Protein backbone atom coordinates (compact mmCIF):
# COMPACT_ATOMS: atom_id res chain seq x y z
CA MET A 1 87.72 89.82 76.86
CA ILE A 2 84.75 92.09 76.14
CA GLN A 3 83.61 91.92 79.74
CA ARG A 4 87.12 92.78 80.99
CA ARG A 5 87.32 95.81 78.75
CA LEU A 6 83.86 96.89 79.82
CA VAL A 7 84.83 96.66 83.52
CA GLN A 8 88.06 98.58 82.91
CA ARG A 9 86.22 101.25 80.94
CA THR A 10 83.55 101.55 83.61
CA HIS A 11 86.27 101.81 86.31
CA TRP A 12 87.86 104.82 84.68
CA VAL A 13 84.52 106.38 83.87
CA LEU A 14 83.58 105.93 87.53
CA ILE A 15 86.65 107.93 88.61
CA ALA A 16 85.88 110.64 86.08
CA GLY A 17 82.23 110.68 87.14
CA LEU A 18 83.22 111.11 90.78
CA SER A 19 85.40 114.05 89.93
CA LEU A 20 82.71 115.69 87.80
CA ILE A 21 80.07 115.17 90.48
CA CYS A 22 82.07 116.99 93.14
CA GLY A 23 83.25 119.79 90.86
CA GLY A 24 86.90 118.69 90.68
CA SER A 25 89.11 117.16 88.06
CA VAL A 26 90.99 113.88 87.70
CA SER A 27 94.29 115.11 89.08
CA ARG A 28 96.49 115.03 92.16
CA GLY A 29 96.52 118.68 93.11
CA LEU A 30 94.60 121.34 94.99
CA ASN A 31 91.85 121.62 92.36
CA PHE A 32 89.02 119.98 94.28
CA GLY A 33 86.22 122.50 94.63
CA VAL A 34 88.54 125.51 94.46
CA HIS A 35 88.09 128.04 91.68
CA ALA A 36 91.17 129.49 90.03
CA ASP A 37 90.70 132.91 91.63
CA GLU A 38 90.16 131.35 95.10
CA ARG A 39 93.07 128.92 95.18
CA PRO A 40 95.62 129.65 97.94
CA THR A 41 98.94 131.13 96.85
CA SER A 42 102.14 129.14 97.26
CA ALA A 43 103.05 131.25 100.27
CA SER A 44 99.94 130.35 102.27
CA ALA A 45 98.65 127.06 100.84
CA VAL A 46 98.06 124.11 103.14
CA SER A 47 100.33 121.89 101.04
CA THR A 48 103.15 124.22 101.91
CA THR A 49 106.49 123.40 100.31
CA PRO A 50 108.07 121.13 97.69
CA GLU A 51 110.38 119.77 100.43
CA ARG A 52 107.59 117.65 101.89
CA ALA A 53 109.87 114.70 102.66
CA ASN A 54 111.88 116.97 105.02
CA LEU A 55 108.94 117.92 107.21
CA ALA A 56 108.18 116.44 110.62
CA TRP A 57 104.54 116.78 109.58
CA ARG A 58 102.66 118.25 106.66
CA VAL A 59 99.13 118.80 105.39
CA THR A 60 98.34 117.75 101.84
CA ARG A 61 95.23 117.84 99.66
CA GLU A 62 96.61 115.61 96.92
CA GLY A 63 94.11 112.84 97.66
CA LEU A 64 90.88 114.82 97.79
CA ASP A 65 89.76 113.37 94.45
CA SER A 66 90.02 109.79 95.77
CA LEU A 67 86.92 107.71 96.45
CA VAL A 68 87.57 107.44 100.19
CA TRP A 69 87.83 111.22 100.55
CA GLN A 70 84.72 111.76 98.43
CA GLN A 71 82.80 109.38 100.69
CA ALA A 72 84.16 110.99 103.85
CA ILE A 73 83.05 114.45 102.68
CA GLU A 74 79.62 113.14 101.71
CA ARG A 75 79.23 111.53 105.13
CA ALA A 76 80.50 114.55 107.08
CA THR A 77 77.98 116.87 105.41
CA GLN A 78 75.21 114.71 106.88
CA HIS A 79 75.97 116.01 110.39
CA LYS A 80 72.72 117.36 111.80
CA ALA A 81 74.24 120.70 112.83
CA LEU A 82 75.54 121.34 109.31
CA GLN A 83 72.24 120.31 107.78
CA VAL A 84 70.44 123.09 109.64
CA GLY A 85 73.12 125.65 108.82
CA ALA A 86 74.73 125.63 112.26
CA GLY A 87 77.99 124.40 113.72
CA GLU A 88 81.58 124.90 112.60
CA PHE A 89 83.48 121.75 111.60
CA THR A 90 86.75 120.82 109.89
CA LEU A 91 87.31 117.40 108.28
CA LEU A 92 90.78 115.85 108.21
CA ARG A 93 92.46 112.46 107.91
CA VAL A 94 95.47 111.28 109.94
CA VAL A 95 98.18 109.38 108.05
CA LEU A 96 101.46 107.92 109.34
CA ASP A 97 104.23 108.30 106.77
CA GLY A 98 105.55 104.95 105.54
CA VAL A 99 102.49 103.05 106.78
CA GLU A 100 99.67 102.18 104.36
CA PRO A 101 96.50 103.84 105.71
CA VAL A 102 93.56 101.54 106.32
CA THR A 103 90.17 102.53 104.94
CA PRO A 104 87.79 102.98 107.92
CA LYS A 105 85.21 100.19 108.09
CA TYR A 106 82.23 102.53 107.83
CA LEU A 107 83.63 103.88 104.54
CA ALA A 108 84.91 100.53 103.24
CA GLU A 109 81.39 99.11 103.49
CA GLY A 110 80.12 101.95 101.34
CA GLN A 111 82.82 101.28 98.76
CA ARG A 112 81.83 97.61 98.57
CA ARG A 113 78.18 98.54 98.08
CA ASP A 114 79.08 100.98 95.32
CA LEU A 115 81.23 98.36 93.59
CA ALA A 116 78.51 95.70 93.86
CA LEU A 117 75.91 98.14 92.53
CA ASN A 118 78.14 99.08 89.62
CA GLU A 119 78.75 95.39 88.75
CA GLU A 120 75.00 94.74 88.89
CA PHE A 121 74.39 97.57 86.41
CA ILE A 122 77.03 96.04 84.13
CA ARG A 123 75.42 92.58 84.25
CA GLN A 124 71.96 93.98 83.55
CA ASP A 125 73.20 96.09 80.69
CA GLN A 126 75.49 93.60 78.93
CA SER A 127 72.71 92.16 76.75
CA THR A 128 71.22 95.51 75.71
CA ASP A 129 72.29 97.97 73.04
CA ARG A 130 73.61 101.21 74.42
CA THR A 131 74.08 104.52 72.77
CA PRO A 132 77.50 106.22 72.92
CA GLY A 133 78.02 107.93 76.26
CA SER A 134 75.60 105.76 78.21
CA GLU A 135 78.53 104.29 80.17
CA VAL A 136 79.02 107.67 81.83
CA VAL A 137 75.43 107.77 83.03
CA LEU A 138 75.75 104.21 84.29
CA ALA A 139 78.91 104.89 86.31
CA VAL A 140 77.61 108.12 87.80
CA ARG A 141 74.37 106.51 88.96
CA ALA A 142 76.33 103.74 90.69
CA VAL A 143 78.01 106.22 93.05
CA ALA A 144 76.28 107.15 96.29
CA LEU A 145 77.22 110.83 96.01
CA PRO A 146 74.94 113.81 95.34
CA VAL A 147 74.84 115.33 91.86
CA VAL A 148 75.54 119.06 91.97
CA ASN A 149 75.45 121.59 89.18
CA ALA A 150 78.41 123.63 88.01
CA ASP A 151 77.24 126.75 89.86
CA SER A 152 77.36 124.98 93.24
CA SER A 153 80.33 122.70 92.75
CA ARG A 154 81.47 123.30 96.33
CA VAL A 155 78.12 122.37 97.91
CA ILE A 156 77.53 118.77 99.05
CA ASN A 157 74.19 117.73 100.59
CA GLY A 158 73.32 121.41 100.80
CA VAL A 159 76.47 122.19 102.83
CA ARG A 160 79.05 124.58 101.41
CA LEU A 161 82.68 123.43 101.64
CA PHE A 162 85.33 125.72 103.09
CA PHE A 163 89.05 125.34 102.24
CA PRO A 164 91.35 127.01 104.81
CA GLU A 165 94.42 128.54 103.23
CA SER A 166 96.98 127.66 105.92
CA VAL A 167 97.37 125.94 109.27
CA GLY A 168 100.68 127.35 110.50
CA GLU A 169 104.27 126.43 109.83
CA PRO A 170 105.34 122.75 109.54
CA VAL A 171 108.51 121.78 111.40
CA LEU A 172 111.58 120.82 109.37
CA ASN A 173 112.93 117.31 109.86
CA PRO A 174 115.79 115.38 108.15
CA ASN A 175 114.65 113.05 105.41
CA VAL A 176 113.91 109.50 106.57
CA PRO A 177 113.73 106.56 104.14
CA SER A 178 110.26 105.03 104.00
CA GLN A 179 110.15 101.77 105.97
CA PRO A 180 107.17 99.63 106.90
CA THR A 181 106.22 99.69 110.55
CA LYS A 182 103.36 98.44 112.68
CA THR A 183 100.17 100.45 112.89
CA ASP A 184 100.24 102.29 116.20
CA ILE A 185 97.96 104.41 118.30
CA VAL A 186 97.32 107.94 117.05
CA GLN A 187 95.99 110.48 119.55
CA VAL A 188 94.19 113.70 118.64
CA THR A 189 93.15 116.59 120.86
CA SER A 190 91.35 119.80 119.91
CA THR A 191 88.38 121.91 121.00
CA LYS A 192 86.12 118.92 120.26
CA VAL A 193 86.86 115.78 118.24
CA VAL A 194 83.86 114.08 116.62
CA SER A 195 83.88 110.60 115.09
CA LEU A 196 82.99 110.55 111.41
CA GLN A 197 81.28 107.21 111.99
CA GLU A 198 79.00 108.42 114.77
CA LEU A 199 78.53 112.06 113.65
CA SER A 200 77.49 112.94 117.20
CA GLY A 201 78.90 113.48 120.66
CA GLY A 202 82.65 113.88 120.80
CA GLY A 203 85.18 115.14 123.31
CA ALA A 204 88.51 116.88 123.70
CA PHE A 205 90.49 113.68 123.00
CA ARG A 206 90.26 110.70 120.70
CA GLU A 207 92.44 107.75 119.65
CA LEU A 208 92.50 106.74 116.00
CA ALA A 209 93.97 104.22 113.62
CA ASN A 210 96.23 105.24 110.77
CA GLY A 211 93.94 106.42 107.94
CA ASP A 212 90.98 107.46 110.12
CA PHE A 213 88.95 110.59 109.39
CA ILE A 214 87.76 112.93 112.13
CA LEU A 215 85.73 116.10 112.45
CA ILE A 216 87.04 119.00 114.51
CA GLU A 217 84.07 120.84 115.99
CA HIS A 218 85.07 124.45 116.60
CA ILE A 219 83.82 125.54 120.01
CA ASN A 220 84.78 129.04 121.05
CA SER A 221 87.20 128.97 123.98
CA THR A 222 90.20 130.79 125.44
CA ARG A 223 92.40 128.52 123.29
CA ARG A 224 91.21 130.24 120.10
CA VAL A 225 93.72 132.70 118.64
CA ASP A 226 92.93 135.04 115.73
CA GLY A 227 90.04 132.88 114.53
CA ARG A 228 92.02 129.62 114.72
CA ASP A 229 91.64 126.61 117.02
CA PRO A 230 94.51 124.33 118.12
CA VAL A 231 94.94 120.73 116.98
CA ARG A 232 97.55 118.31 118.30
CA ILE A 233 98.14 114.88 116.72
CA GLY A 234 100.73 112.41 117.99
CA SER A 235 101.75 108.76 117.98
CA PHE A 236 104.40 106.54 119.56
CA THR A 237 106.28 106.05 116.29
CA HIS A 238 106.04 109.36 114.44
CA HIS A 239 106.46 113.08 115.08
CA VAL A 240 103.76 115.17 116.77
CA ALA A 241 101.87 117.77 114.70
CA ASP A 242 100.80 120.98 116.46
CA PHE A 243 98.96 123.54 114.37
CA MET A 244 96.09 126.04 114.33
CA VAL A 245 93.06 125.45 112.08
CA PRO A 246 91.05 128.41 110.76
CA VAL A 247 87.43 128.35 111.95
CA PRO A 248 85.14 127.93 108.90
CA PRO A 249 82.07 130.15 108.42
CA ARG A 250 79.06 128.97 110.37
CA GLY A 251 77.23 126.09 108.68
CA GLN A 252 80.13 125.31 106.35
CA LEU A 253 82.39 122.24 106.37
CA GLY A 254 86.10 123.00 106.40
CA ILE A 255 88.19 120.58 104.28
CA LEU A 256 91.72 120.41 105.67
CA GLY A 257 93.19 117.33 103.97
CA ASP A 258 95.60 114.61 105.07
CA VAL A 259 97.77 115.41 108.09
CA VAL A 260 100.86 113.27 107.47
CA LEU A 261 103.20 112.57 110.41
CA SER A 262 106.81 111.77 109.49
CA ARG A 263 109.02 109.22 111.20
CA PRO A 264 112.07 110.51 113.12
CA GLN A 265 115.60 109.46 112.25
CA PRO A 266 116.71 106.47 114.36
CA GLU A 267 119.35 108.58 116.13
CA ALA A 268 116.71 111.18 117.05
CA MET A 269 114.62 108.71 119.06
CA GLY A 270 114.72 109.09 122.84
CA ARG A 271 113.38 107.21 125.84
CA ILE A 272 112.22 107.65 129.43
CA GLU A 273 113.64 105.68 132.35
CA LEU A 274 111.82 105.77 135.69
CA ASP A 275 113.01 104.85 139.18
CA LEU A 276 110.36 104.49 141.92
CA ARG A 277 111.50 104.76 145.55
CA PHE A 278 109.47 104.41 148.77
CA VAL A 279 110.22 106.94 151.52
CA GLY A 280 108.66 107.96 154.85
CA ASP A 281 107.16 106.22 157.85
CA ALA A 282 104.00 105.05 156.09
CA TRP A 283 105.83 102.06 154.60
CA LYS A 284 106.74 100.70 158.05
CA SER A 285 103.21 99.33 158.36
CA VAL A 286 102.33 98.92 154.68
CA SER A 287 104.23 97.03 152.02
CA PRO A 288 104.55 98.29 148.44
CA GLN A 289 102.54 96.53 145.78
CA PRO A 290 104.26 93.68 143.97
CA LYS A 291 103.68 95.46 140.65
CA TYR A 292 103.35 99.09 139.58
CA GLN A 293 102.45 100.53 136.20
CA LEU A 294 103.22 103.57 134.08
CA GLN A 295 100.77 104.91 131.51
CA LEU A 296 101.83 107.44 128.87
CA GLY A 297 100.55 109.14 125.75
CA PRO A 298 101.62 111.94 123.39
CA CYS A 299 98.38 113.92 123.96
CA VAL A 300 96.45 112.35 126.83
CA VAL A 301 96.72 109.47 129.28
CA GLY A 302 94.35 107.67 131.61
CA GLY A 303 91.38 105.35 131.25
CA ALA A 304 91.24 104.05 127.69
CA TYR A 305 93.95 106.46 126.50
CA GLY A 306 97.66 105.73 126.16
CA VAL A 307 99.84 102.65 126.57
CA THR A 308 101.00 100.84 129.70
CA ARG A 309 104.52 99.90 130.78
CA GLU A 310 105.35 97.72 133.81
CA PHE A 311 107.89 98.46 136.55
CA ASN A 312 110.26 95.54 137.18
CA HIS A 313 110.96 93.90 140.56
CA ASP A 314 113.47 96.70 141.33
CA TYR A 315 110.70 99.27 140.70
CA GLN A 316 112.33 100.55 137.54
CA CYS A 317 110.63 101.15 134.19
CA ASP A 318 111.84 101.81 130.64
CA THR A 319 109.41 103.17 128.06
CA GLY A 320 111.42 102.00 125.06
CA LEU A 321 112.27 104.29 122.17
CA LEU A 322 109.99 107.27 121.62
CA PRO A 323 109.92 110.12 119.10
CA PRO A 324 111.14 113.39 120.66
CA GLY A 325 108.47 115.63 122.12
CA GLU A 326 106.16 116.04 125.11
CA TYR A 327 104.45 113.08 126.78
CA LYS A 328 101.74 112.82 129.42
CA LEU A 329 102.67 110.42 132.24
CA LEU A 330 100.44 108.80 134.85
CA LEU A 331 101.24 106.45 137.74
CA PRO A 332 97.73 104.94 138.07
CA ASP A 333 98.46 102.95 141.25
CA PHE A 334 98.63 106.23 143.19
CA ASP A 335 96.21 109.16 143.28
CA MET A 336 94.74 109.28 139.74
CA VAL A 337 94.39 113.07 139.78
CA LYS A 338 97.67 114.16 141.37
CA SER A 339 99.99 111.51 139.90
CA ARG A 340 100.28 113.10 136.44
CA TRP A 341 103.20 114.86 134.75
CA THR A 342 104.23 116.27 131.40
CA VAL A 343 107.75 115.19 130.42
CA THR A 344 109.82 116.18 127.39
CA VAL A 345 111.93 113.67 125.47
CA GLN A 346 114.86 115.36 123.77
CA PRO A 347 116.29 114.03 120.45
CA GLY A 348 118.74 111.21 121.13
CA GLN A 349 118.43 111.65 124.91
CA VAL A 350 117.37 109.46 127.81
CA THR A 351 115.10 111.31 130.26
CA ARG A 352 115.63 109.92 133.75
CA LEU A 353 112.92 110.40 136.37
CA ARG A 354 113.16 109.53 140.05
CA PHE A 355 109.85 109.28 141.89
CA GLU A 356 109.41 109.15 145.66
CA ALA A 357 106.27 107.59 147.14
CA SER A 358 105.56 108.71 150.70
CA SER A 359 102.38 106.61 151.03
CA PRO A 360 100.28 104.19 148.94
CA LYS A 361 98.47 107.18 147.39
CA VAL A 362 101.08 109.96 147.35
CA VAL A 363 104.00 110.06 144.90
CA GLN A 364 106.15 112.98 143.77
CA LEU A 365 108.68 113.59 141.02
CA ALA A 366 111.88 114.13 143.00
CA GLU A 367 114.49 114.39 140.24
CA GLU A 368 114.68 114.78 136.46
CA SER A 369 117.86 114.50 134.41
CA ARG A 370 119.02 113.64 130.88
CA ILE A 371 121.90 111.74 129.35
CA GLU A 372 122.77 110.77 125.79
CA ARG A 373 121.51 107.40 124.55
CA ARG A 374 124.36 104.90 124.73
CA ASP A 375 122.85 102.81 121.93
CA ARG A 376 122.33 105.84 119.69
CA PRO A 377 123.25 105.12 116.02
CA ARG A 378 126.18 107.11 114.70
């Protein structure tokens, strides 16, 4: 009984210690590292409206005082460019609404080490007399986070944190009851997307799991507008988020928060149907392949990106239900560069595409039309 109480007490002290270390408070609000006179107003804050359940996507900072966010921030500030006062980065996490986010392995391992270290301190200290308040010192020392003083509560590992006030306007969406669903592919594209695990390299595109953290490296380009860089996040089960992220001051780490994608209403889901036809004289001497494939993705397709659908023996393909929005399509059995299209799926509509292949390498989109889904819920 005594040991159980000690563990419970240490657990709560650990949470409080984490909050004190990073200059926040034990709450579920926008208080992390933001002074009262610097906090965004309700008109421009990232967590934008009380009608969060009615948004196709939203950005929230309610979880910044959690252990996984604290560890992600601590890890991100170790990026070499930030350590030398260079580079412009924004940290965010992608979350699918209604799906429990999975803690990334590289952060989960750190949590297990912290827990084991804390339990070891408890075992070593059980037989000794402790003065009041020593539990706080014990819990704080068991956390692999830097101790900062009150005057630099927004500085981690020598890197100042930057909190953008807004990222654009979320899109309204009818409320959808929360239902469990399978974890699906999440695609992200921006100026440069850097893995929080690797803290190096990066590219314009990346695929993530629900609950993954990423760093947006702000690289000046023609896509920048009024000091903001574009970010697009999409999946095959939830809405796409398109927004502009303010570029943080050089050498500072921007803390965006959780980008939460909402699930569309069942009747709003659409689909794409494809019909592949072979035309021209080239097929008099060459037979079509026995199988053809379609690859698609909400942000990018090709290589390791996107999902694959098979054409049937009549050279027809059905993508299955998709959230409304734009999709990148590729017919990889033809010319990999020229056989790409961007197609829009309208809410509750079937997008029909007729392709004509004039040779084994040349295919064109000959017709595009839309009809209402016959199986659409009423």
